[in-house]
Amino acid sequence: PLHLLGGIVCFGTVGMSPALMGHCAELGVRISFMGRNGRFLARV
């Protein structure tokens, strides 16, 4: 459930739908993309 999440952290090659990205932005759920070893790449 999205209302129980404060963030989503993806490691490596992980895909995500635009609808999920937009809804997370509305709810304040931050999405972080990291390299396989934890190096920060990007945030939504």
PDB file of all heavy atoms in Angstrom:
ATOM      1  N   PRO A   1       0.833  -1.206   0.000  1.00  0.00           N
ATOM      2  CA  PRO A   1       0.000   0.000   0.000  1.00  0.00           C
ATOM      3  C   PRO A   1       0.870   1.259   0.000  1.00  0.00           C
ATOM      4  O   PRO A   1       1.795   1.378   0.809  1.00  0.00           O
ATOM      5  CB  PRO A   1      -0.808  -0.118   1.306  1.00  0.00           C
ATOM      6  CG  PRO A   1      -0.680  -1.549   1.719  1.00  0.00           C
ATOM      7  CD  PRO A   1       0.650  -2.007   1.218  1.00  0.00           C
ATOM      8  N   LEU A   2       0.575   2.184  -0.885  1.00  0.00           N
ATOM      9  CA  LEU A   2       1.396   3.391  -1.003  1.00  0.00           C
ATOM     10  C   LEU A   2       1.312   4.270   0.236  1.00  0.00           C
ATOM     11  O   LEU A   2       2.271   4.987   0.556  1.00  0.00           O
ATOM     12  CB  LEU A   2       0.986   4.177  -2.246  1.00  0.00           C
ATOM     13  CG  LEU A   2       1.490   3.595  -3.575  1.00  0.00           C
ATOM     14  CD1 LEU A   2       0.748   4.199  -4.747  1.00  0.00           C
ATOM     15  CD2 LEU A   2       2.989   3.805  -3.715  1.00  0.00           C
ATOM     16  N   HIS A   3       0.185   4.233   0.953  1.00  0.00           N
ATOM     17  CA  HIS A   3       0.058   5.120   2.112  1.00  0.00           C
ATOM     18  C   HIS A   3       0.951   4.695   3.280  1.00  0.00           C
ATOM     19  O   HIS A   3       1.116   5.442   4.244  1.00  0.00           O
ATOM     20  CB  HIS A   3      -1.404   5.209   2.570  1.00  0.00           C
ATOM     21  CG  HIS A   3      -1.908   3.970   3.259  1.00  0.00           C
ATOM     22  ND1 HIS A   3      -2.389   2.882   2.566  1.00  0.00           N
ATOM     23  CD2 HIS A   3      -2.000   3.640   4.571  1.00  0.00           C
ATOM     24  CE1 HIS A   3      -2.769   1.953   3.413  1.00  0.00           C
ATOM     25  NE2 HIS A   3      -2.540   2.385   4.646  1.00  0.00           N
ATOM     26  N   LEU A   4       1.525   3.496   3.181  1.00  0.00           N
ATOM     27  CA  LEU A   4       2.445   3.032   4.219  1.00  0.00           C
ATOM     28  C   LEU A   4       3.905   3.257   3.858  1.00  0.00           C
ATOM     29  O   LEU A   4       4.796   2.916   4.634  1.00  0.00           O
ATOM     30  CB  LEU A   4       2.217   1.538   4.496  1.00  0.00           C
ATOM     31  CG  LEU A   4       0.848   1.149   5.069  1.00  0.00           C
ATOM     32  CD1 LEU A   4       0.784  -0.355   5.280  1.00  0.00           C
ATOM     33  CD2 LEU A   4       0.575   1.880   6.377  1.00  0.00           C
ATOM     34  N   LEU A   5       4.162   3.829   2.666  1.00  0.00           N
ATOM     35  CA  LEU A   5       5.531   4.001   2.190  1.00  0.00           C
ATOM     36  C   LEU A   5       5.982   5.460   2.282  1.00  0.00           C
ATOM     37  O   LEU A   5       5.224   6.375   1.954  1.00  0.00           O
ATOM     38  CB  LEU A   5       5.656   3.538   0.738  1.00  0.00           C
ATOM     39  CG  LEU A   5       5.399   2.052   0.449  1.00  0.00           C
ATOM     40  CD1 LEU A   5       5.561   1.776  -1.037  1.00  0.00           C
ATOM     41  CD2 LEU A   5       6.335   1.164   1.260  1.00  0.00           C
ATOM     42  N   GLY A   6       7.212   5.628   2.703  1.00  0.00           N
ATOM     43  CA  GLY A   6       7.828   6.945   2.662  1.00  0.00           C
ATOM     44  C   GLY A   6       8.726   7.114   1.459  1.00  0.00           C
ATOM     45  O   GLY A   6       9.042   8.225   1.046  1.00  0.00           O
ATOM     46  N   GLY A   7       9.156   5.975   0.875  1.00  0.00           N
ATOM     47  CA  GLY A   7      10.040   6.048  -0.276  1.00  0.00           C
ATOM     48  C   GLY A   7      10.165   4.700  -0.964  1.00  0.00           C
ATOM     49  O   GLY A   7       9.863   3.651  -0.389  1.00  0.00           O
ATOM     50  N   ILE A   8      10.596   4.737  -2.215  1.00  0.00           N
ATOM     51  CA  ILE A   8      10.909   3.544  -2.999  1.00  0.00           C
ATOM     52  C   ILE A   8      12.340   3.708  -3.496  1.00  0.00           C
ATOM     53  O   ILE A   8      12.681   4.736  -4.088  1.00  0.00           O
ATOM     54  CB  ILE A   8       9.952   3.376  -4.188  1.00  0.00           C
ATOM     55  CG1 ILE A   8       8.498   3.241  -3.704  1.00  0.00           C
ATOM     56  CG2 ILE A   8      10.331   2.168  -5.031  1.00  0.00           C
ATOM     57  CD1 ILE A   8       7.476   3.238  -4.826  1.00  0.00           C
ATOM     58  N   VAL A   9      13.178   2.723  -3.245  1.00  0.00           N
ATOM     59  CA  VAL A   9      14.582   2.776  -3.647  1.00  0.00           C
ATOM     60  C   VAL A   9      14.849   1.604  -4.584  1.00  0.00           C
ATOM     61  O   VAL A   9      14.645   0.437  -4.216  1.00  0.00           O
ATOM     62  CB  VAL A   9      15.528   2.719  -2.428  1.00  0.00           C
ATOM     63  CG1 VAL A   9      16.977   2.804  -2.880  1.00  0.00           C
ATOM     64  CG2 VAL A   9      15.209   3.839  -1.451  1.00  0.00           C
ATOM     65  N   CYS A  10      15.296   1.903  -5.793  1.00  0.00           N
ATOM     66  CA  CYS A  10      15.533   0.890  -6.821  1.00  0.00           C
ATOM     67  C   CYS A  10      17.028   0.743  -7.079  1.00  0.00           C
ATOM     68  O   CYS A  10      17.723   1.740  -7.289  1.00  0.00           O
ATOM     69  CB  CYS A  10      14.821   1.278  -8.122  1.00  0.00           C
ATOM     70  SG  CYS A  10      13.039   1.562  -7.931  1.00  0.00           S
ATOM     71  N   PHE A  11      17.519  -0.487  -7.075  1.00  0.00           N
ATOM     72  CA  PHE A  11      18.925  -0.770  -7.321  1.00  0.00           C
ATOM     73  C   PHE A  11      19.081  -1.439  -8.678  1.00  0.00           C
ATOM     74  O   PHE A  11      18.390  -2.403  -8.996  1.00  0.00           O
ATOM     75  CB  PHE A  11      19.491  -1.697  -6.232  1.00  0.00           C
ATOM     76  CG  PHE A  11      19.566  -1.077  -4.874  1.00  0.00           C
ATOM     77  CD1 PHE A  11      18.484  -1.149  -4.016  1.00  0.00           C
ATOM     78  CD2 PHE A  11      20.704  -0.407  -4.458  1.00  0.00           C
ATOM     79  CE1 PHE A  11      18.541  -0.573  -2.752  1.00  0.00           C
ATOM     80  CE2 PHE A  11      20.776   0.166  -3.206  1.00  0.00           C
ATOM     81  CZ  PHE A  11      19.684   0.088  -2.342  1.00  0.00           C
ATOM     82  N   GLY A  12      20.007  -0.935  -9.477  1.00  0.00           N
ATOM     83  CA  GLY A  12      20.269  -1.536 -10.769  1.00  0.00           C
ATOM     84  C   GLY A  12      19.206  -1.178 -11.789  1.00  0.00           C
ATOM     85  O   GLY A  12      18.614  -0.099 -11.764  1.00  0.00           O
ATOM     86  N   THR A  13      18.950  -2.097 -12.723  1.00  0.00           N
ATOM     87  CA  THR A  13      18.018  -1.858 -13.823  1.00  0.00           C
ATOM     88  C   THR A  13      16.603  -2.216 -13.393  1.00  0.00           C
ATOM     89  O   THR A  13      16.197  -3.385 -13.446  1.00  0.00           O
ATOM     90  CB  THR A  13      18.422  -2.688 -15.055  1.00  0.00           C
ATOM     91  OG1 THR A  13      19.797  -2.436 -15.358  1.00  0.00           O
ATOM     92  CG2 THR A  13      17.568  -2.325 -16.256  1.00  0.00           C
ATOM     93  N   VAL A  14      15.869  -1.220 -12.928  1.00  0.00           N
ATOM     94  CA  VAL A  14      14.482  -1.401 -12.486  1.00  0.00           C
ATOM     95  C   VAL A  14      13.620  -0.392 -13.233  1.00  0.00           C
ATOM     96  O   VAL A  14      13.950   0.792 -13.310  1.00  0.00           O
ATOM     97  CB  VAL A  14      14.350  -1.194 -10.961  1.00  0.00           C
ATOM     98  CG1 VAL A  14      12.877  -1.275 -10.529  1.00  0.00           C
ATOM     99  CG2 VAL A  14      15.183  -2.231 -10.210  1.00  0.00           C
ATOM    100  N   GLY A  15      12.495  -0.858 -13.807  1.00  0.00           N
ATOM    101  CA  GLY A  15      11.598   0.027 -14.538  1.00  0.00           C
ATOM    102  C   GLY A  15      10.369   0.390 -13.722  1.00  0.00           C
ATOM    103  O   GLY A  15      10.034  -0.272 -12.742  1.00  0.00           O
ATOM    104  N   MET A  16       9.695   1.465 -14.142  1.00  0.00           N
ATOM    105  CA  MET A  16       8.544   1.960 -13.395  1.00  0.00           C
ATOM    106  C   MET A  16       7.588   2.680 -14.332  1.00  0.00           C
ATOM    107  O   MET A  16       8.021   3.404 -15.238  1.00  0.00           O
ATOM    108  CB  MET A  16       9.031   2.913 -12.294  1.00  0.00           C
ATOM    109  CG  MET A  16       7.970   3.369 -11.326  1.00  0.00           C
ATOM    110  SD  MET A  16       8.689   4.365  -9.991  1.00  0.00           S
ATOM    111  CE  MET A  16       9.849   3.194  -9.265  1.00  0.00           C
ATOM    112  N   SER A  17       6.285   2.508 -14.133  1.00  0.00           N
ATOM    113  CA  SER A  17       5.302   3.133 -15.000  1.00  0.00           C
ATOM    114  C   SER A  17       5.173   4.621 -14.691  1.00  0.00           C
ATOM    115  O   SER A  17       5.315   5.036 -13.527  1.00  0.00           O
ATOM    116  CB  SER A  17       3.941   2.457 -14.829  1.00  0.00           C
ATOM    117  OG  SER A  17       3.376   2.781 -13.571  1.00  0.00           O
ATOM    118  N   PRO A  18       4.904   5.453 -15.689  1.00  0.00           N
ATOM    119  CA  PRO A  18       4.672   6.881 -15.449  1.00  0.00           C
ATOM    120  C   PRO A  18       3.527   7.131 -14.480  1.00  0.00           C
ATOM    121  O   PRO A  18       3.571   8.088 -13.695  1.00  0.00           O
ATOM    122  CB  PRO A  18       4.364   7.432 -16.844  1.00  0.00           C
ATOM    123  CG  PRO A  18       5.020   6.475 -17.786  1.00  0.00           C
ATOM    124  CD  PRO A  18       4.897   5.134 -17.128  1.00  0.00           C
ATOM    125  N   ALA A  19       2.486   6.283 -14.529  1.00  0.00           N
ATOM    126  CA  ALA A  19       1.351   6.467 -13.619  1.00  0.00           C
ATOM    127  C   ALA A  19       1.788   6.319 -12.168  1.00  0.00           C
ATOM    128  O   ALA A  19       1.353   7.079 -11.288  1.00  0.00           O
ATOM    129  CB  ALA A  19       0.255   5.445 -13.951  1.00  0.00           C
ATOM    130  N   LEU A  20       2.665   5.356 -11.894  1.00  0.00           N
ATOM    131  CA  LEU A  20       3.154   5.172 -10.523  1.00  0.00           C
ATOM    132  C   LEU A  20       4.029   6.349 -10.109  1.00  0.00           C
ATOM    133  O   LEU A  20       3.913   6.854  -8.984  1.00  0.00           O
ATOM    134  CB  LEU A  20       3.939   3.869 -10.418  1.00  0.00           C
ATOM    135  CG  LEU A  20       4.571   3.588  -9.051  1.00  0.00           C
ATOM    136  CD1 LEU A  20       3.520   3.526  -7.959  1.00  0.00           C
ATOM    137  CD2 LEU A  20       5.388   2.295  -9.085  1.00  0.00           C
ATOM    138  N   MET A  21       4.916   6.803 -11.002  1.00  0.00           N
ATOM    139  CA  MET A  21       5.764   7.947 -10.677  1.00  0.00           C
ATOM    140  C   MET A  21       4.921   9.170 -10.330  1.00  0.00           C
ATOM    141  O   MET A  21       5.179   9.868  -9.337  1.00  0.00           O
ATOM    142  CB  MET A  21       6.683   8.269 -11.853  1.00  0.00           C
ATOM    143  CG  MET A  21       7.798   7.272 -12.081  1.00  0.00           C
ATOM    144  SD  MET A  21       8.923   7.876 -13.375  1.00  0.00           S
ATOM    145  CE  MET A  21      10.054   6.510 -13.499  1.00  0.00           C
ATOM    146  N   GLY A  22       3.904   9.441 -11.152  1.00  0.00           N
ATOM    147  CA  GLY A  22       3.073  10.608 -10.909  1.00  0.00           C
ATOM    148  C   GLY A  22       2.311  10.514  -9.608  1.00  0.00           C
ATOM    149  O   GLY A  22       2.210  11.500  -8.858  1.00  0.00           O
ATOM    150  N   HIS A  23       1.774   9.341  -9.302  1.00  0.00           N
ATOM    151  CA  HIS A  23       1.002   9.176  -8.068  1.00  0.00           C
ATOM    152  C   HIS A  23       1.905   9.284  -6.847  1.00  0.00           C
ATOM    153  O   HIS A  23       1.515   9.865  -5.820  1.00  0.00           O
ATOM    154  CB  HIS A  23       0.276   7.836  -8.085  1.00  0.00           C
ATOM    155  CG  HIS A  23      -0.853   7.751  -7.111  1.00  0.00           C
ATOM    156  ND1 HIS A  23      -1.866   8.683  -7.050  1.00  0.00           N
ATOM    157  CD2 HIS A  23      -1.132   6.832  -6.134  1.00  0.00           C
ATOM    158  CE1 HIS A  23      -2.719   8.357  -6.103  1.00  0.00           C
ATOM    159  NE2 HIS A  23      -2.288   7.246  -5.521  1.00  0.00           N
ATOM    160  N   CYS A  24       3.111   8.728  -6.935  1.00  0.00           N
ATOM    161  CA  CYS A  24       4.065   8.858  -5.822  1.00  0.00           C
ATOM    162  C   CYS A  24       4.409  10.321  -5.583  1.00  0.00           C
ATOM    163  O   CYS A  24       4.527  10.761  -4.428  1.00  0.00           O
ATOM    164  CB  CYS A  24       5.330   8.057  -6.116  1.00  0.00           C
ATOM    165  SG  CYS A  24       5.142   6.264  -5.958  1.00  0.00           S
ATOM    166  N   ALA A  25       4.578  11.095  -6.658  1.00  0.00           N
ATOM    167  CA  ALA A  25       4.872  12.522  -6.514  1.00  0.00           C
ATOM    168  C   ALA A  25       3.725  13.238  -5.800  1.00  0.00           C
ATOM    169  O   ALA A  25       3.950  14.105  -4.948  1.00  0.00           O
ATOM    170  CB  ALA A  25       5.118  13.147  -7.882  1.00  0.00           C
ATOM    171  N   GLU A  26       2.494  12.875  -6.122  1.00  0.00           N
ATOM    172  CA  GLU A  26       1.345  13.487  -5.468  1.00  0.00           C
ATOM    173  C   GLU A  26       1.270  13.142  -3.988  1.00  0.00           C
ATOM    174  O   GLU A  26       0.895  13.981  -3.155  1.00  0.00           O
ATOM    175  CB  GLU A  26       0.054  13.034  -6.157  1.00  0.00           C
ATOM    176  CG  GLU A  26      -0.131  13.567  -7.570  1.00  0.00           C
ATOM    177  CD  GLU A  26      -1.379  13.009  -8.229  1.00  0.00           C
ATOM    178  OE1 GLU A  26      -2.083  12.190  -7.575  1.00  0.00           O
ATOM    179  OE2 GLU A  26      -1.645  13.369  -9.384  1.00  0.00           O
ATOM    180  N   LEU A  27       1.636  11.911  -3.651  1.00  0.00           N
ATOM    181  CA  LEU A  27       1.540  11.453  -2.263  1.00  0.00           C
ATOM    182  C   LEU A  27       2.760  11.812  -1.423  1.00  0.00           C
ATOM    183  O   LEU A  27       2.750  11.614  -0.210  1.00  0.00           O
ATOM    184  CB  LEU A  27       1.344   9.928  -2.233  1.00  0.00           C
ATOM    185  CG  LEU A  27       0.059   9.378  -2.862  1.00  0.00           C
ATOM    186  CD1 LEU A  27       0.053   7.857  -2.786  1.00  0.00           C
ATOM    187  CD2 LEU A  27      -1.174   9.945  -2.175  1.00  0.00           C
ATOM    188  N   GLY A  28       3.806  12.299  -2.069  1.00  0.00           N
ATOM    189  CA  GLY A  28       5.030  12.607  -1.330  1.00  0.00           C
ATOM    190  C   GLY A  28       5.916  11.397  -1.089  1.00  0.00           C
ATOM    191  O   GLY A  28       6.764  11.413  -0.185  1.00  0.00           O
ATOM    192  N   VAL A  29       5.730  10.331  -1.880  1.00  0.00           N
ATOM    193  CA  VAL A  29       6.588   9.144  -1.784  1.00  0.00           C
ATOM    194  C   VAL A  29       7.774   9.349  -2.718  1.00  0.00           C
ATOM    195  O   VAL A  29       7.620   9.394  -3.937  1.00  0.00           O
ATOM    196  CB  VAL A  29       5.817   7.864  -2.176  1.00  0.00           C
ATOM    197  CG1 VAL A  29       6.741   6.643  -2.100  1.00  0.00           C
ATOM    198  CG2 VAL A  29       4.611   7.673  -1.272  1.00  0.00           C
ATOM    199  N   ARG A  30       8.959   9.486  -2.167  1.00  0.00           N
ATOM    200  CA  ARG A  30      10.140   9.769  -2.979  1.00  0.00           C
ATOM    201  C   ARG A  30      10.686   8.497  -3.614  1.00  0.00           C
ATOM    202  O   ARG A  30      10.767   7.458  -2.965  1.00  0.00           O
ATOM    203  CB  ARG A  30      11.219  10.438  -2.132  1.00  0.00           C
ATOM    204  CG  ARG A  30      10.866  11.863  -1.750  1.00  0.00           C
ATOM    205  CD  ARG A  30      11.921  12.463  -0.840  1.00  0.00           C
ATOM    206  NE  ARG A  30      11.698  13.884  -0.677  1.00  0.00           N
ATOM    207  CZ  ARG A  30      10.804  14.408   0.160  1.00  0.00           C
ATOM    208  NH1 ARG A  30      10.060  13.603   0.900  1.00  0.00           N
ATOM    209  NH2 ARG A  30      10.658  15.716   0.268  1.00  0.00           N
ATOM    210  N   ILE A  31      11.081   8.601  -4.878  1.00  0.00           N
ATOM    211  CA  ILE A  31      11.632   7.470  -5.619  1.00  0.00           C
ATOM    212  C   ILE A  31      13.105   7.756  -5.888  1.00  0.00           C
ATOM    213  O   ILE A  31      13.448   8.801  -6.444  1.00  0.00           O
ATOM    214  CB  ILE A  31      10.884   7.260  -6.943  1.00  0.00           C
ATOM    215  CG1 ILE A  31       9.381   7.053  -6.691  1.00  0.00           C
ATOM    216  CG2 ILE A  31      11.451   6.064  -7.698  1.00  0.00           C
ATOM    217  CD1 ILE A  31       8.545   7.130  -7.955  1.00  0.00           C
ATOM    218  N   SER A  32      13.963   6.828  -5.488  1.00  0.00           N
ATOM    219  CA  SER A  32      15.401   6.981  -5.695  1.00  0.00           C
ATOM    220  C   SER A  32      15.913   5.835  -6.553  1.00  0.00           C
ATOM    221  O   SER A  32      15.532   4.675  -6.348  1.00  0.00           O
ATOM    222  CB  SER A  32      16.150   6.995  -4.359  1.00  0.00           C
ATOM    223  OG  SER A  32      15.705   8.054  -3.533  1.00  0.00           O
ATOM    224  N   PHE A  33      16.770   6.163  -7.500  1.00  0.00           N
ATOM    225  CA  PHE A  33      17.411   5.158  -8.349  1.00  0.00           C
ATOM    226  C   PHE A  33      18.897   5.113  -8.000  1.00  0.00           C
ATOM    227  O   PHE A  33      19.577   6.138  -8.037  1.00  0.00           O
ATOM    228  CB  PHE A  33      17.216   5.496  -9.826  1.00  0.00           C
ATOM    229  CG  PHE A  33      15.782   5.399 -10.276  1.00  0.00           C
ATOM    230  CD1 PHE A  33      14.966   6.525 -10.301  1.00  0.00           C
ATOM    231  CD2 PHE A  33      15.245   4.181 -10.661  1.00  0.00           C
ATOM    232  CE1 PHE A  33      13.642   6.434 -10.697  1.00  0.00           C
ATOM    233  CE2 PHE A  33      13.920   4.083 -11.066  1.00  0.00           C
ATOM    234  CZ  PHE A  33      13.112   5.210 -11.084  1.00  0.00           C
ATOM    235  N   MET A  34      19.355   3.918  -7.657  1.00  0.00           N
ATOM    236  CA  MET A  34      20.739   3.725  -7.235  1.00  0.00           C
ATOM    237  C   MET A  34      21.409   2.704  -8.143  1.00  0.00           C
ATOM    238  O   MET A  34      20.748   1.848  -8.742  1.00  0.00           O
ATOM    239  CB  MET A  34      20.790   3.188  -5.790  1.00  0.00           C
ATOM    240  CG  MET A  34      19.794   3.826  -4.832  1.00  0.00           C
ATOM    241  SD  MET A  34      20.266   5.464  -4.270  1.00  0.00           S
ATOM    242  CE  MET A  34      21.327   5.034  -2.901  1.00  0.00           C
ATOM    243  N   GLY A  35      22.742   2.802  -8.248  1.00  0.00           N
ATOM    244  CA  GLY A  35      23.487   1.757  -8.924  1.00  0.00           C
ATOM    245  C   GLY A  35      23.437   0.468  -8.131  1.00  0.00           C
ATOM    246  O   GLY A  35      22.970   0.442  -6.982  1.00  0.00           O
ATOM    247  N   ARG A  36      23.913  -0.610  -8.694  1.00  0.00           N
ATOM    248  CA  ARG A  36      23.848  -1.907  -8.006  1.00  0.00           C
ATOM    249  C   ARG A  36      24.560  -1.881  -6.667  1.00  0.00           C
ATOM    250  O   ARG A  36      24.179  -2.594  -5.744  1.00  0.00           O
ATOM    251  CB  ARG A  36      24.454  -2.996  -8.896  1.00  0.00           C
ATOM    252  CG  ARG A  36      23.623  -3.319 -10.130  1.00  0.00           C
ATOM    253  CD  ARG A  36      24.338  -4.340 -11.012  1.00  0.00           C
ATOM    254  NE  ARG A  36      24.605  -5.561 -10.303  1.00  0.00           N
ATOM    255  CZ  ARG A  36      23.721  -6.545 -10.124  1.00  0.00           C
ATOM    256  NH1 ARG A  36      22.501  -6.408 -10.585  1.00  0.00           N
ATOM    257  NH2 ARG A  36      24.055  -7.652  -9.481  1.00  0.00           N
ATOM    258  N   ASN A  37      25.602  -1.050  -6.536  1.00  0.00           N
ATOM    259  CA  ASN A  37      26.371  -1.003  -5.297  1.00  0.00           C
ATOM    260  C   ASN A  37      25.984   0.159  -4.392  1.00  0.00           C
ATOM    261  O   ASN A  37      26.683   0.462  -3.429  1.00  0.00           O
ATOM    262  CB  ASN A  37      27.864  -0.922  -5.620  1.00  0.00           C
ATOM    263  CG  ASN A  37      28.342  -2.149  -6.363  1.00  0.00           C
ATOM    264  OD1 ASN A  37      27.876  -3.256  -6.110  1.00  0.00           O
ATOM    265  ND2 ASN A  37      29.256  -1.952  -7.295  1.00  0.00           N
ATOM    266  N   GLY A  38      24.859   0.816  -4.698  1.00  0.00           N
ATOM    267  CA  GLY A  38      24.357   1.860  -3.819  1.00  0.00           C
ATOM    268  C   GLY A  38      24.717   3.271  -4.219  1.00  0.00           C
ATOM    269  O   GLY A  38      24.372   4.213  -3.509  1.00  0.00           O
ATOM    270  N   ARG A  39      25.395   3.456  -5.365  1.00  0.00           N
ATOM    271  CA  ARG A  39      25.731   4.811  -5.792  1.00  0.00           C
ATOM    272  C   ARG A  39      24.476   5.529  -6.282  1.00  0.00           C
ATOM    273  O   ARG A  39      23.721   5.015  -7.082  1.00  0.00           O
ATOM    274  CB  ARG A  39      26.784   4.772  -6.909  1.00  0.00           C
ATOM    275  CG  ARG A  39      27.265   6.154  -7.358  1.00  0.00           C
ATOM    276  CD  ARG A  39      28.415   6.012  -8.331  1.00  0.00           C
ATOM    277  NE  ARG A  39      28.021   5.333  -9.549  1.00  0.00           N
ATOM    278  CZ  ARG A  39      27.509   5.952 -10.609  1.00  0.00           C
ATOM    279  NH1 ARG A  39      27.319   7.264 -10.588  1.00  0.00           N
ATOM    280  NH2 ARG A  39      27.196   5.276 -11.703  1.00  0.00           N
ATOM    281  N   PHE A  40      24.260   6.743  -5.766  1.00  0.00           N
ATOM    282  CA  PHE A  40      23.061   7.498  -6.119  1.00  0.00           C
ATOM    283  C   PHE A  40      23.089   7.895  -7.598  1.00  0.00           C
ATOM    284  O   PHE A  40      24.100   8.357  -8.119  1.00  0.00           O
ATOM    285  CB  PHE A  40      22.972   8.762  -5.253  1.00  0.00           C
ATOM    286  CG  PHE A  40      21.858   9.695  -5.642  1.00  0.00           C
ATOM    287  CD1 PHE A  40      20.560   9.444  -5.245  1.00  0.00           C
ATOM    288  CD2 PHE A  40      22.112  10.812  -6.419  1.00  0.00           C
ATOM    289  CE1 PHE A  40      19.531  10.296  -5.610  1.00  0.00           C
ATOM    290  CE2 PHE A  40      21.101  11.672  -6.787  1.00  0.00           C
ATOM    291  CZ  PHE A  40      19.801  11.412  -6.380  1.00  0.00           C
ATOM    292  N   LEU A  41      21.939   7.720  -8.272  1.00  0.00           N
ATOM    293  CA  LEU A  41      21.820   8.078  -9.677  1.00  0.00           C
ATOM    294  C   LEU A  41      20.809   9.204  -9.902  1.00  0.00           C
ATOM    295  O   LEU A  41      21.114  10.192 -10.563  1.00  0.00           O
ATOM    296  CB  LEU A  41      21.410   6.854 -10.506  1.00  0.00           C
ATOM    297  CG  LEU A  41      22.368   5.663 -10.505  1.00  0.00           C
ATOM    298  CD1 LEU A  41      21.775   4.504 -11.293  1.00  0.00           C
ATOM    299  CD2 LEU A  41      23.724   6.069 -11.090  1.00  0.00           C
ATOM    300  N   ALA A  42      19.602   9.058  -9.361  1.00  0.00           N
ATOM    301  CA  ALA A  42      18.563  10.054  -9.626  1.00  0.00           C
ATOM    302  C   ALA A  42      17.428   9.898  -8.626  1.00  0.00           C
ATOM    303  O   ALA A  42      17.309   8.874  -7.936  1.00  0.00           O
ATOM    304  CB  ALA A  42      18.020   9.893 -11.054  1.00  0.00           C
ATOM    305  N   ARG A  43      16.583  10.953  -8.560  1.00  0.00           N
ATOM    306  CA  ARG A  43      15.408  10.934  -7.689  1.00  0.00           C
ATOM    307  C   ARG A  43      14.211  11.486  -8.447  1.00  0.00           C
ATOM    308  O   ARG A  43      14.359  12.350  -9.316  1.00  0.00           O
ATOM    309  CB  ARG A  43      15.633  11.805  -6.438  1.00  0.00           C
ATOM    310  CG  ARG A  43      16.612  11.238  -5.451  1.00  0.00           C
ATOM    311  CD  ARG A  43      16.991  12.273  -4.412  1.00  0.00           C
ATOM    312  NE  ARG A  43      15.889  12.577  -3.530  1.00  0.00           N
ATOM    313  CZ  ARG A  43      15.615  11.892  -2.426  1.00  0.00           C
ATOM    314  NH1 ARG A  43      16.337  10.837  -2.110  1.00  0.00           N
ATOM    315  NH2 ARG A  43      14.626  12.231  -1.642  1.00  0.00           N
ATOM    316  N   VAL A  44      13.049  10.990  -8.090  1.00  0.00           N
ATOM    317  CA  VAL A  44      11.791  11.524  -8.600  1.00  0.00           C
ATOM    318  C   VAL A  44      10.962  11.924  -7.394  1.00  0.00           C
ATOM    319  O   VAL A  44      10.734  11.110  -6.489  1.00  0.00           O
ATOM    320  CB  VAL A  44      11.022  10.478  -9.447  1.00  0.00           C
ATOM    321  CG1 VAL A  44       9.679  11.047  -9.899  1.00  0.00           C
ATOM    322  CG2 VAL A  44      11.850  10.050 -10.646  1.00  0.00           C
TER     323      VAL A  44
END
